[in-house]
Amino acid sequence: MKAYQAKYEHQVRLISRLREFAEKIPPGYINQKEFFITSLQNIFEHLMDLKREMLAEACGRFCAKLDQGAVTDESLVEFKSLLDKFISSGDFAAVAASMIGGKQLIKTRLSALRPLSIVEEERKGRDRDKTADRLVEDAYKRLKFEELEKELMQGVNDPVIDRILTKARENVADYCCLYRVPLRGDDTLTPFSLSRIDAVVGACFRLITRIREIVEKYK
C-alpha cells in the first residue's frame, strides 16, 4: 500500500509540473529561460522518482511469479516489453541473457537494475545510450525545435530567446495532446507515456544546449 501511495504521489507531482510547464509562465521568474530550466529540472526529478517506483513494482511482480513457478512465455514477453521502456540497452541485454539462467541469477540481475535517465544520457554529450539518443532525436524533430534554432539564428537577443522558449513550451503541450500524455492528476501514466515524457525533457535540455551554442556563435 505504501509503495502504491508513493507511486501515486510521484505521478501527481510529475503531471502537475508538466502541466505547469505547458501553461503561461507564473510571476516570480526573471525570464522564460529561468522558468524553462527550473521547470525541466523539477519534471526530471519527479519523473525519475516515478520510474524507480514503477520499475521496482514491475520487477517485484515478476519475481513473485518466479517464486510461484507462474512465468509463462506470454508474461515473459510482456515483462521484457516493459523493461525495454525503463532501462538501458546494455542492462536490457544483460537481463535478457539471464532469463535462461537460474531463478537466483534472474533475481540478482533484477535487483541491481536502475532506470535509464534519458536526461542524464543527454547531458553526457557523447557516448549516449543509443536508444535514448534516438528517442530524444525523434522528439526534437516532432517538437519542431530545429525550426526554433533557425529562428534564433536570424537574430540573437533576449526577446527572441524568450519567444523561442515560449513556442517550445507550446509545442510540448501540443505533443502531449498528440501522444495522449495525460496532464490531469487523476490520469494514469503508462510506461509508454513515461518514455515520451523522458524524451521530451531530454529534447528540451538539448534545445537549451543548442541555444547556448548559437548565442556563443552569433553574439
N, C-alpha and C. Protein backbone atom coordinates (compact mmCIF):
# COMPACT_ATOMS: atom_id res chain seq x y z
N MET A 1 0.83 -1.20 0.00
CA MET A 1 0.00 0.00 0.00
C MET A 1 0.86 1.26 0.00
N LYS A 2 1.94 1.24 0.80
CA LYS A 2 2.83 2.40 0.86
C LYS A 2 3.49 2.64 -0.49
N ALA A 3 3.89 1.54 -1.15
CA ALA A 3 4.53 1.67 -2.46
C ALA A 3 3.56 2.27 -3.47
N TYR A 4 2.30 1.82 -3.41
CA TYR A 4 1.29 2.36 -4.33
C TYR A 4 1.07 3.84 -4.06
N GLN A 5 1.00 4.21 -2.78
CA GLN A 5 0.79 5.61 -2.43
C GLN A 5 1.96 6.48 -2.91
N ALA A 6 3.17 5.96 -2.73
CA ALA A 6 4.36 6.71 -3.18
C ALA A 6 4.33 6.90 -4.69
N LYS A 7 3.98 5.84 -5.40
CA LYS A 7 3.91 5.93 -6.86
C LYS A 7 2.86 6.95 -7.29
N TYR A 8 1.71 6.91 -6.63
CA TYR A 8 0.63 7.84 -6.97
C TYR A 8 1.06 9.28 -6.71
N GLU A 9 1.73 9.52 -5.58
CA GLU A 9 2.17 10.88 -5.25
C GLU A 9 3.20 11.39 -6.26
N HIS A 10 4.13 10.52 -6.66
CA HIS A 10 5.13 10.91 -7.66
C HIS A 10 4.45 11.23 -9.00
N GLN A 11 3.44 10.44 -9.33
CA GLN A 11 2.73 10.65 -10.58
C GLN A 11 1.99 11.98 -10.58
N VAL A 12 1.30 12.28 -9.47
CA VAL A 12 0.56 13.54 -9.37
C VAL A 12 1.51 14.73 -9.47
N ARG A 13 2.65 14.64 -8.79
CA ARG A 13 3.63 15.73 -8.84
C ARG A 13 4.18 15.91 -10.25
N LEU A 14 4.48 14.79 -10.91
CA LEU A 14 5.03 14.87 -12.26
C LEU A 14 4.03 15.52 -13.22
N ILE A 15 2.80 15.06 -13.18
CA ILE A 15 1.78 15.61 -14.08
C ILE A 15 1.54 17.08 -13.79
N SER A 16 1.55 17.44 -12.52
CA SER A 16 1.34 18.85 -12.14
C SER A 16 2.45 19.73 -12.69
N ARG A 17 3.70 19.27 -12.55
CA ARG A 17 4.83 20.06 -13.05
C ARG A 17 4.80 20.14 -14.58
N LEU A 18 4.41 19.04 -15.22
CA LEU A 18 4.34 19.03 -16.68
C LEU A 18 3.24 19.96 -17.17
N ARG A 19 2.11 19.95 -16.48
CA ARG A 19 1.01 20.84 -16.86
C ARG A 19 1.41 22.31 -16.69
N GLU A 20 2.09 22.62 -15.57
CA GLU A 20 2.54 23.99 -15.33
C GLU A 20 3.53 24.44 -16.40
N PHE A 21 4.37 23.51 -16.83
CA PHE A 21 5.36 23.82 -17.87
C PHE A 21 4.68 24.22 -19.18
N ALA A 22 3.54 23.59 -19.45
CA ALA A 22 2.84 23.83 -20.71
C ALA A 22 1.94 25.06 -20.66
N GLU A 23 1.78 25.65 -19.48
CA GLU A 23 0.90 26.81 -19.33
C GLU A 23 1.70 28.11 -19.34
N LYS A 24 1.01 29.23 -19.11
CA LYS A 24 1.68 30.52 -19.08
C LYS A 24 2.64 30.60 -17.90
N ILE A 25 3.73 31.34 -18.10
CA ILE A 25 4.74 31.49 -17.05
C ILE A 25 4.14 32.24 -15.86
N PRO A 26 4.27 31.70 -14.65
CA PRO A 26 3.74 32.38 -13.47
C PRO A 26 4.65 33.54 -13.07
N PRO A 27 4.16 34.45 -12.23
CA PRO A 27 5.01 35.56 -11.78
C PRO A 27 6.15 35.05 -10.89
N GLY A 28 7.21 35.84 -10.80
CA GLY A 28 8.32 35.48 -9.92
C GLY A 28 9.56 35.01 -10.64
N TYR A 29 9.48 34.89 -11.96
CA TYR A 29 10.65 34.45 -12.73
C TYR A 29 11.22 35.62 -13.53
N ILE A 30 12.54 35.65 -13.64
CA ILE A 30 13.21 36.75 -14.35
C ILE A 30 12.85 36.75 -15.83
N ASN A 31 12.86 35.56 -16.43
CA ASN A 31 12.56 35.44 -17.85
C ASN A 31 12.12 34.02 -18.18
N GLN A 32 11.84 33.79 -19.45
CA GLN A 32 11.41 32.46 -19.90
C GLN A 32 12.47 31.40 -19.65
N LYS A 33 13.73 31.77 -19.84
CA LYS A 33 14.81 30.80 -19.68
C LYS A 33 14.88 30.26 -18.26
N GLU A 34 14.75 31.15 -17.27
CA GLU A 34 14.80 30.71 -15.88
C GLU A 34 13.65 29.75 -15.58
N PHE A 35 12.46 30.10 -16.03
CA PHE A 35 11.29 29.24 -15.81
C PHE A 35 11.46 27.91 -16.55
N PHE A 36 11.96 27.96 -17.77
CA PHE A 36 12.14 26.78 -18.60
C PHE A 36 13.06 25.77 -17.93
N ILE A 37 14.23 26.23 -17.51
CA ILE A 37 15.23 25.34 -16.92
C ILE A 37 14.79 24.84 -15.55
N THR A 38 14.25 25.73 -14.72
CA THR A 38 13.79 25.33 -13.39
C THR A 38 12.68 24.29 -13.48
N SER A 39 11.75 24.51 -14.39
CA SER A 39 10.63 23.58 -14.56
C SER A 39 11.11 22.23 -15.06
N LEU A 40 12.04 22.24 -16.02
CA LEU A 40 12.58 20.99 -16.54
C LEU A 40 13.24 20.17 -15.45
N GLN A 41 14.00 20.82 -14.58
CA GLN A 41 14.68 20.12 -13.51
C GLN A 41 13.68 19.49 -12.55
N ASN A 42 12.60 20.21 -12.24
CA ASN A 42 11.55 19.67 -11.37
C ASN A 42 10.86 18.47 -12.02
N ILE A 43 10.55 18.60 -13.30
CA ILE A 43 9.92 17.49 -14.02
C ILE A 43 10.83 16.27 -14.02
N PHE A 44 12.11 16.49 -14.28
CA PHE A 44 13.09 15.41 -14.32
C PHE A 44 13.15 14.66 -12.99
N GLU A 45 13.19 15.39 -11.88
CA GLU A 45 13.28 14.75 -10.56
C GLU A 45 12.06 13.89 -10.26
N HIS A 46 10.87 14.42 -10.54
CA HIS A 46 9.64 13.65 -10.29
C HIS A 46 9.54 12.47 -11.25
N LEU A 47 10.00 12.66 -12.47
CA LEU A 47 9.99 11.58 -13.45
C LEU A 47 10.84 10.41 -12.99
N MET A 48 12.05 10.68 -12.50
CA MET A 48 12.93 9.61 -12.06
C MET A 48 12.39 8.93 -10.81
N ASP A 49 11.78 9.69 -9.91
CA ASP A 49 11.15 9.07 -8.73
C ASP A 49 10.08 8.07 -9.16
N LEU A 50 9.26 8.48 -10.11
CA LEU A 50 8.18 7.60 -10.57
C LEU A 50 8.73 6.39 -11.33
N LYS A 51 9.75 6.59 -12.15
CA LYS A 51 10.33 5.47 -12.89
C LYS A 51 10.94 4.44 -11.94
N ARG A 52 11.58 4.91 -10.87
CA ARG A 52 12.15 3.97 -9.89
C ARG A 52 11.05 3.14 -9.24
N GLU A 53 9.94 3.80 -8.86
CA GLU A 53 8.83 3.09 -8.23
C GLU A 53 8.22 2.06 -9.19
N MET A 54 8.00 2.46 -10.43
CA MET A 54 7.35 1.57 -11.39
C MET A 54 8.25 0.41 -11.78
N LEU A 55 9.56 0.66 -11.89
CA LEU A 55 10.49 -0.42 -12.20
C LEU A 55 10.56 -1.42 -11.06
N ALA A 56 10.65 -0.92 -9.84
CA ALA A 56 10.69 -1.81 -8.67
C ALA A 56 9.41 -2.64 -8.57
N GLU A 57 8.28 -2.01 -8.85
CA GLU A 57 7.00 -2.70 -8.80
C GLU A 57 6.93 -3.81 -9.84
N ALA A 58 7.37 -3.50 -11.06
CA ALA A 58 7.33 -4.49 -12.14
C ALA A 58 8.26 -5.67 -11.84
N CYS A 59 9.47 -5.37 -11.35
CA CYS A 59 10.42 -6.44 -11.01
C CYS A 59 9.90 -7.28 -9.85
N GLY A 60 9.25 -6.64 -8.90
CA GLY A 60 8.68 -7.36 -7.77
C GLY A 60 7.60 -8.34 -8.21
N ARG A 61 6.75 -7.90 -9.12
CA ARG A 61 5.69 -8.77 -9.63
C ARG A 61 6.29 -9.96 -10.37
N PHE A 62 7.32 -9.71 -11.17
CA PHE A 62 7.92 -10.79 -11.94
C PHE A 62 8.61 -11.79 -11.02
N CYS A 63 9.31 -11.29 -10.00
CA CYS A 63 9.98 -12.19 -9.05
C CYS A 63 8.97 -13.04 -8.29
N ALA A 64 7.82 -12.47 -8.00
CA ALA A 64 6.76 -13.23 -7.33
C ALA A 64 6.28 -14.37 -8.23
N LYS A 65 6.17 -14.10 -9.51
CA LYS A 65 5.78 -15.15 -10.45
C LYS A 65 6.86 -16.23 -10.56
N LEU A 66 8.12 -15.80 -10.48
CA LEU A 66 9.22 -16.77 -10.49
C LEU A 66 9.10 -17.72 -9.31
N ASP A 67 8.86 -17.16 -8.13
CA ASP A 67 8.75 -17.97 -6.92
C ASP A 67 7.58 -18.94 -6.99
N GLN A 68 6.53 -18.50 -7.69
CA GLN A 68 5.32 -19.34 -7.79
C GLN A 68 5.39 -20.31 -8.97
N GLY A 69 6.46 -20.19 -9.77
CA GLY A 69 6.57 -21.02 -10.97
C GLY A 69 5.51 -20.68 -11.99
N ALA A 70 5.10 -19.41 -12.00
CA ALA A 70 3.98 -18.99 -12.85
C ALA A 70 4.40 -18.15 -14.05
N VAL A 71 5.70 -18.16 -14.37
CA VAL A 71 6.16 -17.38 -15.52
C VAL A 71 5.85 -18.14 -16.81
N THR A 72 5.09 -17.51 -17.69
CA THR A 72 4.74 -18.10 -18.98
C THR A 72 5.48 -17.34 -20.09
N ASP A 73 5.45 -17.90 -21.28
CA ASP A 73 6.07 -17.20 -22.42
C ASP A 73 5.44 -15.83 -22.61
N GLU A 74 4.14 -15.77 -22.44
CA GLU A 74 3.41 -14.51 -22.61
C GLU A 74 3.82 -13.48 -21.56
N SER A 75 3.89 -13.91 -20.30
CA SER A 75 4.26 -12.97 -19.23
C SER A 75 5.71 -12.52 -19.36
N LEU A 76 6.57 -13.41 -19.89
CA LEU A 76 7.98 -13.05 -20.09
C LEU A 76 8.11 -11.98 -21.18
N VAL A 77 7.38 -12.16 -22.28
CA VAL A 77 7.40 -11.17 -23.36
C VAL A 77 6.87 -9.84 -22.87
N GLU A 78 5.81 -9.88 -22.09
CA GLU A 78 5.22 -8.65 -21.54
C GLU A 78 6.20 -7.94 -20.61
N PHE A 79 6.90 -8.71 -19.79
CA PHE A 79 7.87 -8.13 -18.85
C PHE A 79 9.04 -7.50 -19.61
N LYS A 80 9.54 -8.19 -20.62
CA LYS A 80 10.65 -7.65 -21.42
C LYS A 80 10.23 -6.36 -22.13
N SER A 81 9.00 -6.34 -22.61
CA SER A 81 8.50 -5.15 -23.29
C SER A 81 8.45 -3.96 -22.34
N LEU A 82 8.07 -4.22 -21.10
CA LEU A 82 8.02 -3.15 -20.10
C LEU A 82 9.44 -2.68 -19.74
N LEU A 83 10.34 -3.64 -19.52
CA LEU A 83 11.72 -3.29 -19.17
C LEU A 83 12.37 -2.44 -20.25
N ASP A 84 12.04 -2.73 -21.49
CA ASP A 84 12.65 -2.02 -22.61
C ASP A 84 12.38 -0.52 -22.54
N LYS A 85 11.30 -0.13 -21.85
CA LYS A 85 10.94 1.28 -21.74
C LYS A 85 11.56 1.94 -20.51
N PHE A 86 12.21 1.14 -19.66
CA PHE A 86 12.73 1.67 -18.40
C PHE A 86 14.25 1.65 -18.27
N ILE A 87 14.92 0.72 -18.93
CA ILE A 87 16.34 0.53 -18.66
C ILE A 87 17.19 0.72 -19.92
N SER A 88 18.50 0.78 -19.72
CA SER A 88 19.42 1.00 -20.83
C SER A 88 19.49 -0.24 -21.72
N SER A 89 20.02 -0.04 -22.92
CA SER A 89 20.18 -1.15 -23.86
C SER A 89 21.09 -2.23 -23.28
N GLY A 90 22.17 -1.80 -22.61
CA GLY A 90 23.10 -2.75 -22.01
C GLY A 90 22.47 -3.56 -20.90
N ASP A 91 21.72 -2.89 -20.03
CA ASP A 91 21.05 -3.59 -18.93
C ASP A 91 20.00 -4.55 -19.47
N PHE A 92 19.30 -4.12 -20.52
CA PHE A 92 18.27 -4.98 -21.10
C PHE A 92 18.90 -6.26 -21.66
N ALA A 93 20.03 -6.12 -22.33
CA ALA A 93 20.71 -7.29 -22.90
C ALA A 93 21.16 -8.24 -21.79
N ALA A 94 21.65 -7.67 -20.68
CA ALA A 94 22.11 -8.50 -19.56
C ALA A 94 20.96 -9.25 -18.92
N VAL A 95 19.83 -8.57 -18.74
CA VAL A 95 18.66 -9.21 -18.14
C VAL A 95 18.11 -10.29 -19.07
N ALA A 96 18.03 -9.97 -20.35
CA ALA A 96 17.52 -10.93 -21.32
C ALA A 96 18.37 -12.20 -21.33
N ALA A 97 19.69 -12.03 -21.24
CA ALA A 97 20.60 -13.19 -21.22
C ALA A 97 20.42 -14.01 -19.96
N SER A 98 20.09 -13.34 -18.85
CA SER A 98 19.95 -14.06 -17.57
C SER A 98 18.69 -14.91 -17.52
N MET A 99 17.75 -14.66 -18.42
CA MET A 99 16.47 -15.37 -18.38
C MET A 99 16.61 -16.87 -18.66
N ILE A 100 17.75 -17.26 -19.24
CA ILE A 100 17.96 -18.69 -19.48
C ILE A 100 18.70 -19.31 -18.30
N GLY A 101 19.04 -18.50 -17.30
CA GLY A 101 19.75 -19.00 -16.13
C GLY A 101 18.79 -19.38 -15.01
N GLY A 102 19.35 -19.56 -13.83
CA GLY A 102 18.55 -19.95 -12.68
C GLY A 102 17.77 -18.79 -12.09
N LYS A 103 16.85 -19.14 -11.21
CA LYS A 103 15.98 -18.14 -10.59
C LYS A 103 16.77 -17.11 -9.80
N GLN A 104 17.80 -17.54 -9.09
CA GLN A 104 18.57 -16.61 -8.27
C GLN A 104 19.36 -15.62 -9.12
N LEU A 105 19.88 -16.08 -10.25
CA LEU A 105 20.61 -15.19 -11.16
C LEU A 105 19.67 -14.10 -11.68
N ILE A 106 18.48 -14.51 -12.06
CA ILE A 106 17.50 -13.54 -12.57
C ILE A 106 17.17 -12.51 -11.51
N LYS A 107 16.93 -12.97 -10.29
CA LYS A 107 16.58 -12.05 -9.19
C LYS A 107 17.73 -11.09 -8.90
N THR A 108 18.95 -11.61 -8.95
CA THR A 108 20.12 -10.76 -8.68
C THR A 108 20.23 -9.66 -9.73
N ARG A 109 20.04 -10.04 -10.99
CA ARG A 109 20.11 -9.05 -12.07
C ARG A 109 19.01 -8.00 -11.92
N LEU A 110 17.82 -8.45 -11.60
CA LEU A 110 16.69 -7.52 -11.49
C LEU A 110 16.85 -6.57 -10.30
N SER A 111 17.40 -7.08 -9.21
CA SER A 111 17.56 -6.24 -8.01
C SER A 111 18.59 -5.13 -8.23
N ALA A 112 19.48 -5.34 -9.20
CA ALA A 112 20.53 -4.35 -9.46
C ALA A 112 20.12 -3.31 -10.50
N LEU A 113 18.95 -3.48 -11.08
CA LEU A 113 18.52 -2.58 -12.15
C LEU A 113 18.23 -1.17 -11.64
N ARG A 114 18.59 -0.21 -12.45
CA ARG A 114 18.24 1.19 -12.19
C ARG A 114 17.63 1.75 -13.48
N PRO A 115 16.63 2.59 -13.37
CA PRO A 115 16.01 3.12 -14.59
C PRO A 115 16.96 3.99 -15.39
N LEU A 116 16.88 3.88 -16.68
CA LEU A 116 17.66 4.74 -17.56
C LEU A 116 17.11 6.15 -17.51
N SER A 117 17.98 7.12 -17.38
CA SER A 117 17.58 8.52 -17.44
C SER A 117 18.00 9.08 -18.79
N ILE A 118 17.03 9.35 -19.65
CA ILE A 118 17.34 9.93 -20.95
C ILE A 118 17.97 11.29 -20.78
N VAL A 119 17.53 12.02 -19.76
CA VAL A 119 18.09 13.35 -19.50
C VAL A 119 19.57 13.26 -19.14
N GLU A 120 19.92 12.31 -18.25
CA GLU A 120 21.32 12.16 -17.87
C GLU A 120 22.16 11.69 -19.06
N GLU A 121 21.58 10.86 -19.91
CA GLU A 121 22.29 10.45 -21.12
C GLU A 121 22.52 11.66 -22.03
N GLU A 122 21.52 12.53 -22.10
CA GLU A 122 21.64 13.73 -22.93
C GLU A 122 22.75 14.63 -22.43
N ARG A 123 22.92 14.71 -21.12
CA ARG A 123 23.95 15.57 -20.54
C ARG A 123 25.36 15.07 -20.80
N LYS A 124 25.49 13.80 -21.17
CA LYS A 124 26.82 13.25 -21.44
C LYS A 124 27.46 13.92 -22.66
N GLY A 125 26.63 14.31 -23.61
CA GLY A 125 27.15 14.92 -24.82
C GLY A 125 27.59 13.89 -25.85
N ARG A 126 28.31 12.87 -25.41
CA ARG A 126 28.74 11.79 -26.30
C ARG A 126 28.66 10.47 -25.54
N ASP A 127 28.81 9.37 -26.28
CA ASP A 127 28.70 8.03 -25.69
C ASP A 127 27.35 7.83 -25.01
N ARG A 128 26.30 8.40 -25.59
CA ARG A 128 24.97 8.23 -25.03
C ARG A 128 24.44 6.84 -25.35
N ASP A 129 23.49 6.38 -24.54
CA ASP A 129 22.76 5.16 -24.87
C ASP A 129 22.07 5.38 -26.21
N LYS A 130 22.21 4.44 -27.13
CA LYS A 130 21.70 4.62 -28.49
C LYS A 130 20.18 4.79 -28.52
N THR A 131 19.49 4.00 -27.70
CA THR A 131 18.04 4.11 -27.66
C THR A 131 17.61 5.47 -27.14
N ALA A 132 18.28 5.94 -26.08
CA ALA A 132 17.96 7.25 -25.51
C ALA A 132 18.21 8.35 -26.53
N ASP A 133 19.32 8.28 -27.23
CA ASP A 133 19.65 9.30 -28.22
C ASP A 133 18.63 9.32 -29.35
N ARG A 134 18.19 8.14 -29.76
CA ARG A 134 17.20 8.05 -30.83
C ARG A 134 15.87 8.66 -30.40
N LEU A 135 15.45 8.39 -29.17
CA LEU A 135 14.19 8.94 -28.67
C LEU A 135 14.23 10.46 -28.57
N VAL A 136 15.36 10.99 -28.10
CA VAL A 136 15.49 12.45 -28.00
C VAL A 136 15.50 13.08 -29.39
N GLU A 137 16.24 12.46 -30.30
CA GLU A 137 16.31 12.99 -31.66
C GLU A 137 14.94 13.03 -32.31
N ASP A 138 14.17 11.96 -32.10
CA ASP A 138 12.82 11.89 -32.67
C ASP A 138 11.91 12.95 -32.05
N ALA A 139 11.98 13.09 -30.72
CA ALA A 139 11.17 14.09 -30.03
C ALA A 139 11.56 15.50 -30.48
N TYR A 140 12.84 15.73 -30.66
CA TYR A 140 13.34 17.05 -31.07
C TYR A 140 12.73 17.46 -32.41
N LYS A 141 12.64 16.49 -33.32
CA LYS A 141 12.06 16.78 -34.64
C LYS A 141 10.56 17.00 -34.54
N ARG A 142 9.88 16.15 -33.77
CA ARG A 142 8.43 16.27 -33.64
C ARG A 142 8.02 17.54 -32.91
N LEU A 143 8.88 18.01 -32.03
CA LEU A 143 8.61 19.26 -31.32
C LEU A 143 8.98 20.50 -32.15
N LYS A 144 9.53 20.25 -33.34
CA LYS A 144 9.91 21.32 -34.27
C LYS A 144 10.95 22.27 -33.68
N PHE A 145 11.84 21.71 -32.87
CA PHE A 145 12.87 22.54 -32.25
C PHE A 145 13.93 23.00 -33.25
N GLU A 146 14.12 22.23 -34.33
CA GLU A 146 15.09 22.65 -35.35
C GLU A 146 14.65 23.97 -35.99
N GLU A 147 13.33 24.13 -36.15
CA GLU A 147 12.80 25.38 -36.70
C GLU A 147 13.06 26.55 -35.75
N LEU A 148 12.99 26.27 -34.45
CA LEU A 148 13.25 27.32 -33.46
C LEU A 148 14.72 27.73 -33.49
N GLU A 149 15.60 26.75 -33.73
CA GLU A 149 17.03 27.07 -33.87
C GLU A 149 17.25 28.06 -35.02
N LYS A 150 16.61 27.77 -36.14
CA LYS A 150 16.76 28.63 -37.33
C LYS A 150 16.24 30.04 -37.05
N GLU A 151 15.15 30.11 -36.31
CA GLU A 151 14.58 31.41 -35.96
C GLU A 151 15.56 32.22 -35.11
N LEU A 152 16.21 31.53 -34.18
CA LEU A 152 17.17 32.22 -33.31
C LEU A 152 18.36 32.74 -34.10
N MET A 153 18.78 31.99 -35.10
CA MET A 153 19.94 32.39 -35.90
C MET A 153 19.68 33.69 -36.67
N GLN A 154 18.41 34.03 -36.86
CA GLN A 154 18.08 35.26 -37.58
C GLN A 154 18.28 36.51 -36.73
N GLY A 155 18.36 36.32 -35.43
CA GLY A 155 18.56 37.47 -34.54
C GLY A 155 18.71 37.02 -33.11
N VAL A 156 19.93 37.04 -32.60
CA VAL A 156 20.21 36.54 -31.25
C VAL A 156 20.09 37.67 -30.24
N ASN A 157 19.00 37.64 -29.47
CA ASN A 157 18.83 38.60 -28.38
C ASN A 157 17.84 38.03 -27.37
N ASP A 158 17.73 38.64 -26.22
CA ASP A 158 16.89 38.10 -25.15
C ASP A 158 15.41 37.99 -25.53
N PRO A 159 14.81 39.00 -26.18
CA PRO A 159 13.41 38.86 -26.58
C PRO A 159 13.16 37.68 -27.52
N VAL A 160 14.10 37.45 -28.43
CA VAL A 160 13.95 36.31 -29.35
C VAL A 160 14.05 34.99 -28.59
N ILE A 161 14.99 34.91 -27.66
CA ILE A 161 15.13 33.69 -26.85
C ILE A 161 13.87 33.44 -26.05
N ASP A 162 13.30 34.50 -25.46
CA ASP A 162 12.05 34.35 -24.71
C ASP A 162 10.94 33.84 -25.62
N ARG A 163 10.86 34.39 -26.82
CA ARG A 163 9.81 33.97 -27.76
C ARG A 163 9.99 32.52 -28.18
N ILE A 164 11.22 32.12 -28.40
CA ILE A 164 11.51 30.74 -28.81
C ILE A 164 11.15 29.75 -27.70
N LEU A 165 11.51 30.08 -26.47
CA LEU A 165 11.21 29.17 -25.36
C LEU A 165 9.71 29.11 -25.08
N THR A 166 9.01 30.21 -25.32
CA THR A 166 7.55 30.19 -25.20
C THR A 166 6.95 29.24 -26.24
N LYS A 167 7.44 29.33 -27.48
CA LYS A 167 6.98 28.44 -28.53
C LYS A 167 7.32 26.99 -28.21
N ALA A 168 8.50 26.78 -27.64
CA ALA A 168 8.93 25.43 -27.29
C ALA A 168 7.96 24.81 -26.29
N ARG A 169 7.55 25.58 -25.30
CA ARG A 169 6.60 25.07 -24.30
C ARG A 169 5.24 24.80 -24.92
N GLU A 170 4.83 25.65 -25.86
CA GLU A 170 3.57 25.43 -26.57
C GLU A 170 3.64 24.14 -27.39
N ASN A 171 4.78 23.91 -28.01
CA ASN A 171 4.97 22.69 -28.80
C ASN A 171 4.94 21.45 -27.92
N VAL A 172 5.47 21.57 -26.70
CA VAL A 172 5.43 20.45 -25.75
C VAL A 172 3.98 20.13 -25.40
N ALA A 173 3.17 21.16 -25.17
CA ALA A 173 1.75 20.95 -24.86
C ALA A 173 1.04 20.25 -26.01
N ASP A 174 1.33 20.67 -27.25
CA ASP A 174 0.72 20.04 -28.42
C ASP A 174 1.17 18.58 -28.55
N TYR A 175 2.44 18.34 -28.28
CA TYR A 175 3.00 16.98 -28.34
C TYR A 175 2.29 16.07 -27.34
N CYS A 176 2.08 16.57 -26.13
CA CYS A 176 1.43 15.78 -25.09
C CYS A 176 0.00 15.42 -25.50
N CYS A 177 -0.69 16.35 -26.15
CA CYS A 177 -2.04 16.07 -26.63
C CYS A 177 -2.02 15.02 -27.74
N LEU A 178 -1.08 15.17 -28.67
CA LEU A 178 -0.99 14.27 -29.80
C LEU A 178 -0.69 12.84 -29.37
N TYR A 179 0.23 12.69 -28.40
CA TYR A 179 0.63 11.35 -27.95
C TYR A 179 -0.08 10.91 -26.68
N ARG A 180 -1.15 11.65 -26.37
CA ARG A 180 -2.03 11.30 -25.25
C ARG A 180 -1.27 11.15 -23.93
N VAL A 181 -0.32 12.04 -23.74
CA VAL A 181 0.35 12.10 -22.44
C VAL A 181 -0.57 12.86 -21.50
N PRO A 182 -1.07 12.23 -20.45
CA PRO A 182 -2.06 12.88 -19.58
C PRO A 182 -1.49 14.07 -18.83
N LEU A 183 -2.32 15.10 -18.70
CA LEU A 183 -1.92 16.30 -17.96
C LEU A 183 -2.87 16.56 -16.80
N ARG A 184 -3.63 15.53 -16.41
CA ARG A 184 -4.51 15.65 -15.25
C ARG A 184 -4.01 14.71 -14.16
N GLY A 185 -4.14 15.18 -12.92
CA GLY A 185 -3.60 14.42 -11.80
C GLY A 185 -4.24 13.07 -11.58
N ASP A 186 -5.50 12.89 -12.04
CA ASP A 186 -6.20 11.63 -11.81
C ASP A 186 -6.01 10.64 -12.96
N ASP A 187 -5.23 11.02 -13.97
CA ASP A 187 -4.92 10.10 -15.06
C ASP A 187 -3.78 9.17 -14.64
N THR A 188 -3.66 8.07 -15.38
CA THR A 188 -2.60 7.10 -15.09
C THR A 188 -1.52 7.17 -16.17
N LEU A 189 -0.29 7.28 -15.73
CA LEU A 189 0.83 7.31 -16.67
C LEU A 189 1.29 5.89 -16.95
N THR A 190 1.37 5.53 -18.21
CA THR A 190 1.84 4.21 -18.61
C THR A 190 3.35 4.28 -18.84
N PRO A 191 4.02 3.13 -18.91
CA PRO A 191 5.45 3.14 -19.24
C PRO A 191 5.73 3.84 -20.57
N PHE A 192 4.82 3.69 -21.54
CA PHE A 192 4.99 4.38 -22.82
C PHE A 192 4.94 5.89 -22.62
N SER A 193 3.97 6.37 -21.83
CA SER A 193 3.86 7.80 -21.56
C SER A 193 5.12 8.33 -20.89
N LEU A 194 5.65 7.56 -19.94
CA LEU A 194 6.86 7.99 -19.25
C LEU A 194 8.04 8.11 -20.21
N SER A 195 8.14 7.16 -21.13
CA SER A 195 9.26 7.22 -22.09
C SER A 195 9.12 8.43 -23.00
N ARG A 196 7.87 8.82 -23.33
CA ARG A 196 7.66 10.02 -24.15
C ARG A 196 8.03 11.27 -23.37
N ILE A 197 7.62 11.33 -22.10
CA ILE A 197 7.95 12.49 -21.26
C ILE A 197 9.46 12.60 -21.11
N ASP A 198 10.11 11.47 -20.87
CA ASP A 198 11.57 11.45 -20.72
C ASP A 198 12.24 12.00 -21.97
N ALA A 199 11.75 11.57 -23.14
CA ALA A 199 12.32 12.03 -24.41
C ALA A 199 12.08 13.52 -24.61
N VAL A 200 10.90 14.00 -24.23
CA VAL A 200 10.58 15.42 -24.37
C VAL A 200 11.49 16.27 -23.49
N VAL A 201 11.68 15.84 -22.25
CA VAL A 201 12.54 16.59 -21.34
C VAL A 201 13.98 16.59 -21.86
N GLY A 202 14.42 15.43 -22.36
CA GLY A 202 15.76 15.37 -22.95
C GLY A 202 15.89 16.30 -24.14
N ALA A 203 14.85 16.37 -24.98
CA ALA A 203 14.86 17.26 -26.14
C ALA A 203 14.90 18.72 -25.70
N CYS A 204 14.19 19.04 -24.63
CA CYS A 204 14.18 20.42 -24.12
C CYS A 204 15.57 20.82 -23.60
N PHE A 205 16.22 19.90 -22.91
CA PHE A 205 17.59 20.19 -22.46
C PHE A 205 18.54 20.33 -23.65
N ARG A 206 18.31 19.53 -24.69
CA ARG A 206 19.13 19.66 -25.90
C ARG A 206 18.91 21.03 -26.54
N LEU A 207 17.67 21.51 -26.52
CA LEU A 207 17.38 22.83 -27.08
C LEU A 207 18.13 23.92 -26.31
N ILE A 208 18.15 23.82 -24.99
CA ILE A 208 18.89 24.79 -24.18
C ILE A 208 20.37 24.80 -24.55
N THR A 209 20.92 23.60 -24.75
CA THR A 209 22.33 23.49 -25.16
C THR A 209 22.55 24.15 -26.52
N ARG A 210 21.63 23.89 -27.45
CA ARG A 210 21.76 24.47 -28.79
C ARG A 210 21.62 25.99 -28.75
N ILE A 211 20.72 26.50 -27.92
CA ILE A 211 20.57 27.95 -27.79
C ILE A 211 21.87 28.56 -27.28
N ARG A 212 22.46 27.91 -26.28
CA ARG A 212 23.73 28.40 -25.73
C ARG A 212 24.82 28.42 -26.81
N GLU A 213 24.87 27.37 -27.63
CA GLU A 213 25.88 27.30 -28.69
C GLU A 213 25.64 28.37 -29.76
N ILE A 214 24.39 28.58 -30.10
CA ILE A 214 24.05 29.58 -31.12
C ILE A 214 24.36 30.99 -30.63
N VAL A 215 24.05 31.25 -29.36
CA VAL A 215 24.35 32.56 -28.78
C VAL A 215 25.85 32.82 -28.82
N GLU A 216 26.64 31.79 -28.46
CA GLU A 216 28.10 31.94 -28.47
C GLU A 216 28.62 32.20 -29.89
N LYS A 217 27.99 31.58 -30.86
CA LYS A 217 28.46 31.69 -32.24
C LYS A 217 28.05 33.01 -32.90
N TYR A 218 26.84 33.48 -32.59
CA TYR A 218 26.30 34.63 -33.32
C TYR A 218 26.27 35.93 -32.52
N LYS A 219 26.69 35.88 -31.28
CA LYS A 219 26.61 37.11 -30.48
C LYS A 219 27.62 38.16 -30.96
